[in-house]
Every structure is written in structure tokens, then in C-alpha cells.
Amino acid sequence: MKKLISLLLVIIMCAGATFAFSSCNNDKLVCGVTIFENMNEQDAEGNWTGFESEFAMEVGKLLDMDVEFQIIDWSQKYAELNAGKIDCIWNGFTANSSDDGVERKDLVDFSYTYMLNQQCIVVKSENLANYKTEADLAGKTAAVEGGSAGADYAKKAVGENGKLVEFPAQNKAFLEVNSGTSDFAVVDILLAQNVCGKGDYTDLVIVEDIELAAEYYAIGFKKGSELTAKVNEAIKTLNDSGKLLEIAKKYGLENSLKVTIE
């Protein structure tokens, strides 16, 4: 009987060790994203493509973690992160911006910044002559992604007599302007350059006369997360090896890539 009990204990211990080992090797990195052309999107087979997607997957390889992309409502990004539904916000996330007057750096821990961006104004080409300065935005209806840097800017730009129409993702803002329901959209220029003047959006243009401040993309983690330092080390490795530049070139983003190791 004692031998049988000992054997059972050994089996249980081995099973526990196997489970622990398997759990370690099946850790996931769940990235909160929206559909963002050339950054995070899915092909016809449902595979994730784009700079951010491939970047995240390369980081996952270095950390021995399976990467999963979870589509979120951008306005709910902090709630999703703090509730543990996602591990990070990795989707053209502007670090040097604020949400409702609160600096984003006070809401999340940011990774190293890695890409230059800026917000831009998008209008229908027939209305382009009406937008020369920021004063021309006052009193208008702006389409934006809820909780975005663009939304923060547009809210101030349209003023009390204007209107803000918010969507879960930036791609909806283009539809709104294209249909004429909103006067203009405020979106990431890296996205607008891939959308305006193409396909269903041949009538949309970027307002070059109104140039907004430079922004920097970074990955947002829950305050105090151990993942921040680990991902930073992976970013440094990918940057030093030239792998990050290789991915950027694949999507025509090499001139926007700028890794800042702090």
C-alpha cells in the first residue's frame, strides 16, 4: 500500500511539473488593437499583417510568448488593460498625448518609442480650399476615433459650437467624411497616407496647410507591469539587429521608424 501511495505521489508531482512547464511555454501576450491599414489588419485567411502585427510577433518570439491580437473599442483601451483582458495597447498608440486632460504617461507605462507620426486633417477634395488654418475648423463637425489623440485635438479645434462624432476605430472616420456626414476627420497621418486618394476614398485628401505637432508611437502596459522592461529589451534587440528596419521597409515606413532607447 505504501508503495502504491508513493507511486501515486510521484505521478501527481510529475504531472504538476509538466503542467507548470507547459504553462510557462504557452504564455500569451494579448495585444489590444483596432484595424489600422499597414499596421494591424487581417488578410483573406484571417492572418494578421502590418508593421505593428509583425513587430509584436517578433517580440513574442524573443520572449517565448504566443502573441494574440484582440480587437477593442479604442475608447475602452484603458478599461480593457486594467481589467486584464489585454496585456498591452499596441496599435499606433501615441505616447506624447493626453486623454480628457490626463497625460497618457500617467495612465500607462510606455515602452521605448519607435515611430514618428502626427495627426492630420482629412477632407473631401472639393472642400480643401476652405481649410487653410486651424481657425477654419471651429464650429465644424469632426469625425474621430474615440479616445484617440485625434479626438483630443479635434474637441478643442471645433470649440463649443462644433461637434465631435466618435467611432471605435479610425477607419470609420474616413467613411463619415466620405459620405459628407462630417466636415473633416482627424486621424494618424501614417494611416491617412495609405487611404486618401485610393479605392473608395479617391475624393479624400490631407489638408497640408494645417500641420499638427509630431507624435511618437509606443506600447502601453498596465502600471507596474513587468512586461514593460522585457518588451523594451526585445525592442532594443530587434532594432540593433536591423530586423525592425526590415519590417518597416516591407510596409514603406522606414522613414518614420525612430527607436528611442531611454
Protein backbone atom coordinates (compact mmCIF):
# COMPACT_ATOMS: atom_id res chain seq x y z
CA MET A 1 0.00 0.00 0.00
CA LYS A 2 2.83 2.42 0.90
CA LYS A 3 4.49 1.68 -2.44
CA LEU A 4 1.23 2.42 -4.24
CA ILE A 5 0.80 5.72 -2.41
CA SER A 6 4.39 6.70 -3.17
CA LEU A 7 3.88 5.86 -6.83
CA LEU A 8 0.73 7.96 -6.96
CA LEU A 9 2.54 10.89 -5.34
CA VAL A 10 5.33 10.67 -7.90
CA ILE A 11 2.79 10.64 -10.74
CA ILE A 12 0.98 13.65 -9.30
CA MET A 13 4.24 15.56 -8.84
CA CYS A 14 5.36 14.78 -12.37
CA ALA A 15 2.02 15.82 -13.76
CA GLY A 16 2.23 19.08 -11.83
CA ALA A 17 5.72 19.76 -13.12
CA THR A 18 4.62 19.01 -16.68
CA PHE A 19 1.67 21.35 -16.31
CA ALA A 20 3.88 24.11 -14.94
CA PHE A 21 6.36 23.68 -17.78
CA SER A 22 3.58 23.71 -20.36
CA SER A 23 2.04 26.83 -18.84
CA CYS A 24 5.37 28.61 -18.98
CA ASN A 25 5.84 27.76 -22.62
CA ASN A 26 2.32 28.75 -23.57
CA ASP A 27 2.33 32.25 -22.07
CA LYS A 28 0.39 34.69 -24.18
CA LEU A 29 0.89 38.33 -24.98
CA VAL A 30 -2.56 39.71 -25.74
CA CYS A 31 -2.32 42.93 -27.73
CA GLY A 32 -5.28 45.31 -27.86
CA VAL A 33 -5.68 46.64 -31.41
CA THR A 34 -8.03 48.21 -33.92
CA ILE A 35 -7.94 47.65 -37.68
CA PHE A 36 -5.25 50.02 -38.91
CA GLU A 37 -4.11 49.67 -42.52
CA ASN A 38 -0.44 48.70 -42.88
CA MET A 39 -0.22 48.40 -39.09
CA ASN A 40 -2.75 45.88 -37.80
CA GLU A 41 -5.07 44.18 -40.28
CA GLN A 42 -6.11 40.70 -41.37
CA ASP A 43 -5.70 39.10 -44.77
CA ALA A 44 -8.32 36.97 -46.54
CA GLU A 45 -7.30 33.93 -44.47
CA GLY A 46 -7.59 35.83 -41.20
CA ASN A 47 -3.83 36.11 -40.65
CA TRP A 48 -2.62 39.30 -39.02
CA THR A 49 -0.37 41.51 -41.14
CA GLY A 50 1.09 45.01 -40.95
CA PHE A 51 4.06 46.60 -39.25
CA GLU A 52 2.65 46.50 -35.71
CA SER A 53 1.46 42.90 -36.12
CA GLU A 54 4.83 41.62 -37.36
CA PHE A 55 6.67 43.73 -34.78
CA ALA A 56 4.60 42.19 -31.99
CA MET A 57 5.12 38.66 -33.30
CA GLU A 58 8.91 39.15 -33.42
CA VAL A 59 8.85 40.40 -29.84
CA GLY A 60 6.78 37.33 -28.93
CA LYS A 61 9.44 35.05 -30.40
CA LEU A 62 12.18 36.67 -28.33
CA LEU A 63 10.09 36.42 -25.14
CA ASP A 64 8.90 32.88 -25.93
CA MET A 65 5.29 34.08 -25.81
CA ASP A 66 2.38 33.41 -28.14
CA VAL A 67 1.03 36.70 -29.49
CA GLU A 68 -2.71 37.18 -29.74
CA PHE A 69 -4.45 40.23 -31.22
CA GLN A 70 -7.68 41.34 -29.59
CA ILE A 71 -9.79 43.92 -31.43
CA ILE A 72 -11.00 46.54 -28.97
CA ASP A 73 -13.07 49.70 -28.91
CA TRP A 74 -10.26 52.27 -28.71
CA SER A 75 -12.20 54.45 -26.27
CA GLN A 76 -12.21 51.49 -23.85
CA LYS A 77 -8.49 50.70 -24.11
CA TYR A 78 -7.63 51.60 -20.51
CA ALA A 79 -10.59 49.67 -19.11
CA GLU A 80 -9.60 46.60 -21.16
CA LEU A 81 -5.99 46.87 -19.99
CA ASN A 82 -6.73 47.40 -16.31
CA ALA A 83 -9.31 44.59 -16.30
CA GLY A 84 -6.66 42.19 -17.61
CA LYS A 85 -8.49 41.48 -20.88
CA ILE A 86 -5.41 42.61 -22.79
CA ASP A 87 -1.75 42.76 -21.75
CA CYS A 88 -0.85 45.84 -23.74
CA ILE A 89 -2.13 48.51 -26.10
CA TRP A 90 -0.17 48.00 -29.33
CA ASN A 91 -1.79 49.83 -32.22
CA GLY A 92 -0.21 53.11 -33.26
CA PHE A 93 -0.53 54.32 -29.65
CA THR A 94 0.68 57.92 -29.30
CA ALA A 95 2.78 58.32 -26.16
CA ASN A 96 3.08 62.11 -26.05
CA SER A 97 -0.63 62.85 -25.87
CA SER A 98 -3.45 63.08 -23.35
CA ASP A 99 -6.97 61.77 -22.84
CA ASP A 100 -9.53 64.08 -21.26
CA GLY A 101 -6.75 66.31 -19.98
CA VAL A 102 -4.74 63.47 -18.39
CA GLU A 103 -1.31 62.69 -19.79
CA ARG A 104 -1.18 59.16 -21.16
CA LYS A 105 2.14 58.52 -19.42
CA ASP A 106 0.22 58.88 -16.15
CA LEU A 107 -2.29 56.24 -17.21
CA VAL A 108 0.04 53.53 -18.54
CA ASP A 109 3.69 52.55 -18.56
CA PHE A 110 5.13 53.10 -22.02
CA SER A 111 7.75 51.11 -23.86
CA TYR A 112 10.52 52.82 -25.80
CA THR A 113 9.06 54.98 -28.55
CA TYR A 114 9.68 53.58 -32.03
CA MET A 115 7.87 55.55 -34.72
CA LEU A 116 7.19 59.16 -35.70
CA ASN A 117 3.65 60.19 -36.52
CA GLN A 118 1.37 63.20 -36.40
CA GLN A 119 -2.33 63.85 -36.58
CA CYS A 120 -3.69 65.30 -39.81
CA ILE A 121 -6.91 66.80 -41.12
CA VAL A 122 -8.74 64.88 -43.87
CA VAL A 123 -11.47 66.46 -46.01
CA LYS A 124 -13.19 65.93 -49.33
CA SER A 125 -11.11 67.38 -52.16
CA GLU A 126 -13.96 69.69 -53.19
CA ASN A 127 -13.77 71.37 -49.78
CA LEU A 128 -9.98 71.63 -49.50
CA ALA A 129 -9.89 75.38 -50.28
CA ASN A 130 -11.98 76.02 -47.17
CA TYR A 131 -9.26 74.76 -44.80
CA LYS A 132 -6.21 76.99 -44.57
CA THR A 133 -5.72 77.48 -40.83
CA GLU A 134 -6.86 75.85 -37.59
CA ALA A 135 -9.43 78.63 -37.21
CA ASP A 136 -11.30 77.10 -40.16
CA LEU A 137 -12.06 74.02 -38.04
CA ALA A 138 -14.10 75.91 -35.46
CA GLY A 139 -17.83 75.19 -35.46
CA LYS A 140 -17.44 72.20 -37.79
CA THR A 141 -18.31 68.52 -37.31
CA ALA A 142 -15.26 66.32 -36.84
CA ALA A 143 -15.08 62.52 -37.20
CA VAL A 144 -12.56 60.84 -34.90
CA GLU A 145 -11.65 57.62 -33.17
CA GLY A 146 -12.96 57.80 -29.62
CA GLY A 147 -10.20 58.15 -27.04
CA SER A 148 -7.56 58.95 -29.66
CA ALA A 149 -5.01 61.74 -29.88
CA GLY A 150 -7.07 62.99 -32.81
CA ALA A 151 -10.18 63.18 -30.67
CA ASP A 152 -8.32 65.16 -28.02
CA TYR A 153 -7.18 67.68 -30.64
CA ALA A 154 -10.48 67.88 -32.53
CA LYS A 155 -12.50 68.55 -29.40
CA LYS A 156 -10.52 71.74 -28.82
CA ALA A 157 -10.40 72.67 -32.51
CA VAL A 158 -14.16 72.60 -33.20
CA GLY A 159 -14.97 74.50 -30.00
CA GLU A 160 -18.30 74.82 -28.23
CA ASN A 161 -20.21 75.39 -31.46
CA GLY A 162 -18.74 72.37 -33.17
CA LYS A 163 -19.50 68.66 -32.92
CA LEU A 164 -17.44 65.54 -32.36
CA VAL A 165 -18.54 62.22 -33.88
CA GLU A 166 -16.62 59.35 -32.29
CA PHE A 167 -16.06 55.81 -33.59
CA PRO A 168 -14.40 52.65 -32.19
CA ALA A 169 -11.68 52.77 -34.89
CA GLN A 170 -10.10 55.36 -37.19
CA ASN A 171 -11.20 53.69 -40.44
CA LYS A 172 -14.82 54.63 -39.65
CA ALA A 173 -13.87 58.31 -39.62
CA PHE A 174 -12.93 58.15 -43.30
CA LEU A 175 -16.36 56.73 -44.14
CA GLU A 176 -18.01 59.57 -42.26
CA VAL A 177 -16.19 62.30 -44.20
CA ASN A 178 -16.54 60.46 -47.49
CA SER A 179 -20.31 60.36 -47.07
CA GLY A 180 -20.40 64.06 -46.25
CA THR A 181 -21.88 63.48 -42.81
CA SER A 182 -18.85 65.09 -41.14
CA ASP A 183 -16.84 68.06 -42.37
CA PHE A 184 -13.43 66.61 -41.61
CA ALA A 185 -11.60 63.80 -39.81
CA VAL A 186 -8.57 63.94 -37.55
CA VAL A 187 -6.52 60.75 -37.94
CA ASP A 188 -2.94 59.46 -37.89
CA ILE A 189 -1.07 60.65 -40.97
CA LEU A 190 0.56 57.22 -41.37
CA LEU A 191 -2.92 55.81 -41.89
CA ALA A 192 -4.25 58.71 -43.98
CA GLN A 193 -1.37 58.42 -46.45
CA ASN A 194 -2.44 54.84 -47.17
CA VAL A 195 -6.14 55.67 -47.51
CA CYS A 196 -6.67 59.11 -49.06
CA GLY A 197 -6.93 59.21 -52.84
CA LYS A 198 -7.23 55.43 -53.13
CA GLY A 199 -10.02 52.94 -53.75
CA ASP A 200 -13.32 54.14 -52.31
CA TYR A 201 -11.59 57.24 -50.95
CA THR A 202 -10.36 58.91 -54.13
CA ASP A 203 -12.19 62.09 -53.11
CA LEU A 204 -10.40 62.41 -49.76
CA VAL A 205 -7.26 64.50 -49.26
CA ILE A 206 -4.95 65.52 -46.43
CA VAL A 207 -5.01 69.21 -45.55
CA GLU A 208 -1.34 70.12 -45.86
CA ASP A 209 -1.82 73.75 -44.84
CA ILE A 210 -2.70 72.67 -41.29
CA GLU A 211 0.30 70.82 -39.87
CA LEU A 212 -0.01 69.39 -36.38
CA ALA A 213 2.67 68.54 -33.83
CA ALA A 214 4.91 65.47 -34.06
CA GLU A 215 3.89 62.34 -32.16
CA TYR A 216 5.63 59.17 -31.13
CA TYR A 217 4.25 55.65 -31.05
CA ALA A 218 4.91 53.36 -28.10
CA ILE A 219 3.34 50.29 -26.49
CA GLY A 220 1.22 50.85 -23.40
CA PHE A 221 1.30 48.48 -20.41
CA LYS A 222 -0.55 48.41 -17.12
CA LYS A 223 1.18 50.50 -14.47
CA GLY A 224 3.87 48.42 -12.76
CA SER A 225 3.79 45.62 -15.36
CA GLU A 226 6.95 43.51 -15.58
CA LEU A 227 6.31 43.21 -19.32
CA THR A 228 7.48 46.76 -19.99
CA ALA A 229 11.16 46.05 -19.28
CA LYS A 230 11.04 42.69 -21.08
CA VAL A 231 9.49 44.17 -24.22
CA ASN A 232 11.94 47.09 -24.11
CA GLU A 233 14.84 44.64 -24.18
CA ALA A 234 13.25 42.86 -27.14
CA ILE A 235 12.76 46.19 -28.97
CA LYS A 236 16.44 47.01 -28.46
CA THR A 237 17.46 43.61 -29.80
CA LEU A 238 15.25 43.92 -32.89
CA ASN A 239 16.49 47.45 -33.53
CA ASP A 240 20.17 46.55 -33.12
CA SER A 241 19.85 43.53 -35.41
CA GLY A 242 18.14 45.53 -38.16
CA LYS A 243 15.04 43.32 -38.01
CA LEU A 244 12.77 46.23 -37.08
CA LEU A 245 14.01 48.27 -40.04
CA GLU A 246 13.42 45.26 -42.29
CA ILE A 247 9.77 45.09 -41.21
CA ALA A 248 9.36 48.86 -41.59
CA LYS A 249 10.72 48.74 -45.15
CA LYS A 250 8.25 45.99 -46.02
CA TYR A 251 5.40 48.43 -45.31
CA GLY A 252 7.06 51.60 -46.61
CA LEU A 253 7.58 53.00 -43.12
CA GLU A 254 11.37 53.14 -42.96
CA ASN A 255 11.41 56.95 -42.94
CA SER A 256 9.08 57.03 -39.95
CA LEU A 257 10.93 54.45 -37.85
CA LYS A 258 12.73 56.10 -34.94
CA VAL A 259 13.58 53.98 -31.92
CA THR A 260 14.43 55.96 -28.79
CA ILE A 261 16.22 53.93 -26.13
CA GLU A 262 15.89 55.68 -22.78
